[in-house]
Amino acid sequence: QVQLVESGGGLVQAGESLRLSCTASGSIFSINSMGWFRQDPENQRELVAGMISGGMPNYADSVKGRFTISRDNAKNTVYLQMNSLKPEDTAVYYCNAVITTEQGLTYGIWGQGTQVTVSS
């Protein structure tokens, strides 16, 4: 069984930074993509940043220049460095990965979510 475990959320003031981490574990043959989504009570879940293996990262327009996604393939971990945080960044952040298992199955999975709250 494959799972994603997230960490790094919290409460910060506007202008401050946070770094989220997400580690995949289990029967993993390869990770095809990893990314971060977010959702607040008033909106649908939206893509924040994503990386396809071997490809360039892509970002939501609202976070370009402030957020950076990176991966440590040896650790099956993806990070989201969030700088210059704004109150509108407040949401539950979810890690997502598309994984191929050692048994040859390919599917997407979600982390449990981590709360990011930015006060003004």
Protein backbone atom coordinates (compact mmCIF):
# COMPACT_ATOMS: atom_id res chain seq x y z
CA GLN A 1 0.00 0.00 0.00
CA VAL A 2 1.28 3.44 -0.92
CA GLN A 3 0.69 6.50 1.20
CA LEU A 4 1.65 10.16 1.29
CA VAL A 5 2.54 11.88 4.53
CA GLU A 6 2.61 15.66 4.66
CA SER A 7 4.13 18.06 7.16
CA GLY A 8 5.03 21.69 7.56
CA GLY A 9 1.76 23.57 7.77
CA GLY A 10 1.03 26.14 10.42
CA LEU A 11 0.04 29.67 11.33
CA VAL A 12 2.19 32.55 10.08
CA GLN A 13 1.85 36.27 9.50
CA ALA A 14 1.61 37.82 6.08
CA GLY A 15 5.00 38.11 4.43
CA GLU A 16 6.47 35.13 6.24
CA SER A 17 7.46 31.74 4.83
CA LEU A 18 6.62 28.09 5.26
CA ARG A 19 7.93 24.90 3.72
CA LEU A 20 5.67 21.92 3.17
CA SER A 21 7.00 18.39 2.75
CA CYS A 22 5.34 15.29 1.39
CA THR A 23 6.91 11.84 1.41
CA ALA A 24 5.62 8.82 -0.45
CA SER A 25 6.16 5.38 1.02
CA GLY A 26 5.16 1.82 0.26
CA SER A 27 5.42 -0.48 -2.73
CA ILE A 28 6.62 2.16 -5.20
CA PHE A 29 8.22 1.38 -8.53
CA SER A 30 8.17 4.91 -9.86
CA ILE A 31 6.61 8.28 -9.18
CA ASN A 32 5.28 9.84 -12.36
CA SER A 33 4.33 13.20 -10.93
CA MET A 34 3.98 14.98 -7.63
CA GLY A 35 2.27 18.20 -6.79
CA TRP A 36 0.41 20.38 -4.35
CA PHE A 37 -3.22 21.43 -4.37
CA ARG A 38 -5.14 23.60 -1.95
CA GLN A 39 -8.71 24.07 -0.91
CA ASP A 40 -10.51 26.55 1.29
CA PRO A 41 -14.16 26.29 2.43
CA GLU A 42 -15.41 28.54 -0.36
CA ASN A 43 -13.59 27.14 -3.35
CA GLN A 44 -12.85 23.95 -5.18
CA ARG A 45 -9.51 22.23 -4.82
CA GLU A 46 -7.01 23.93 -7.10
CA LEU A 47 -3.55 23.13 -8.36
CA VAL A 48 -0.84 25.19 -6.69
CA ALA A 49 2.27 23.63 -8.20
CA GLY A 50 3.18 20.37 -9.89
CA MET A 51 6.09 18.48 -11.37
CA ILE A 52 6.05 15.64 -13.87
CA SER A 53 9.14 13.47 -13.55
CA GLY A 54 11.81 14.87 -15.84
CA GLY A 55 9.72 17.92 -16.63
CA MET A 56 9.58 21.54 -15.65
CA PRO A 57 7.44 22.65 -12.73
CA ASN A 58 4.20 24.49 -13.33
CA TYR A 59 2.51 26.95 -11.00
CA ALA A 60 -0.80 28.63 -10.50
CA ASP A 61 -0.62 32.26 -11.58
CA SER A 62 -1.45 33.36 -8.04
CA VAL A 63 1.74 31.84 -6.61
CA LYS A 64 4.26 32.40 -9.39
CA GLY A 65 7.37 34.11 -8.08
CA ARG A 66 6.50 33.31 -4.46
CA PHE A 67 6.26 29.51 -4.28
CA THR A 68 8.82 26.94 -5.41
CA ILE A 69 8.23 23.24 -5.82
CA SER A 70 11.12 20.80 -5.68
CA ARG A 71 11.65 17.07 -5.45
CA ASP A 72 14.16 14.78 -3.81
CA ASN A 73 13.78 11.62 -5.86
CA ALA A 74 16.03 9.59 -3.58
CA LYS A 75 13.65 10.30 -0.70
CA ASN A 76 10.41 10.15 -2.71
CA THR A 77 9.70 13.59 -1.32
CA VAL A 78 8.27 16.77 -2.77
CA TYR A 79 8.60 20.17 -1.13
CA LEU A 80 6.73 23.41 -1.48
CA GLN A 81 8.64 26.49 -0.37
CA MET A 82 6.15 29.28 0.19
CA ASN A 83 7.51 32.80 0.55
CA SER A 84 5.79 36.16 0.90
CA LEU A 85 2.65 34.46 2.12
CA LYS A 86 -0.63 36.31 1.85
CA PRO A 87 -3.91 35.85 3.75
CA GLU A 88 -5.47 34.54 0.54
CA ASP A 89 -3.02 31.62 0.65
CA THR A 90 -4.89 30.31 3.67
CA ALA A 91 -6.19 26.83 2.86
CA VAL A 92 -5.70 23.14 3.44
CA TYR A 93 -2.82 22.03 1.26
CA TYR A 94 -2.91 18.54 -0.20
CA CYS A 95 -0.08 16.58 -1.71
CA ASN A 96 -0.88 14.50 -4.78
CA ALA A 97 1.17 11.89 -6.57
CA VAL A 98 0.72 9.57 -9.53
CA ILE A 99 2.55 6.38 -8.71
CA THR A 100 3.33 3.11 -10.39
CA THR A 101 3.59 0.29 -7.89
CA GLU A 102 5.96 -2.64 -7.97
CA GLN A 103 2.97 -4.70 -9.08
CA GLY A 104 2.56 -2.51 -12.16
CA LEU A 105 -0.51 -0.54 -11.07
CA THR A 106 -0.61 3.19 -11.79
CA TYR A 107 -2.91 5.49 -9.85
CA GLY A 108 -3.16 8.83 -8.13
CA ILE A 109 -3.16 9.25 -4.37
CA TRP A 110 -3.70 12.13 -1.96
CA GLY A 111 -2.15 13.09 1.32
CA GLN A 112 -4.23 13.84 4.37
CA GLY A 113 -3.85 17.60 4.02
CA THR A 114 -2.07 20.19 6.11
CA GLN A 115 -3.54 23.50 7.22
CA VAL A 116 -1.80 26.73 6.26
CA THR A 117 -3.16 29.88 7.87
CA VAL A 118 -1.79 33.33 7.06
CA SER A 119 -2.87 36.20 9.28
CA SER A 120 -2.89 39.81 8.13
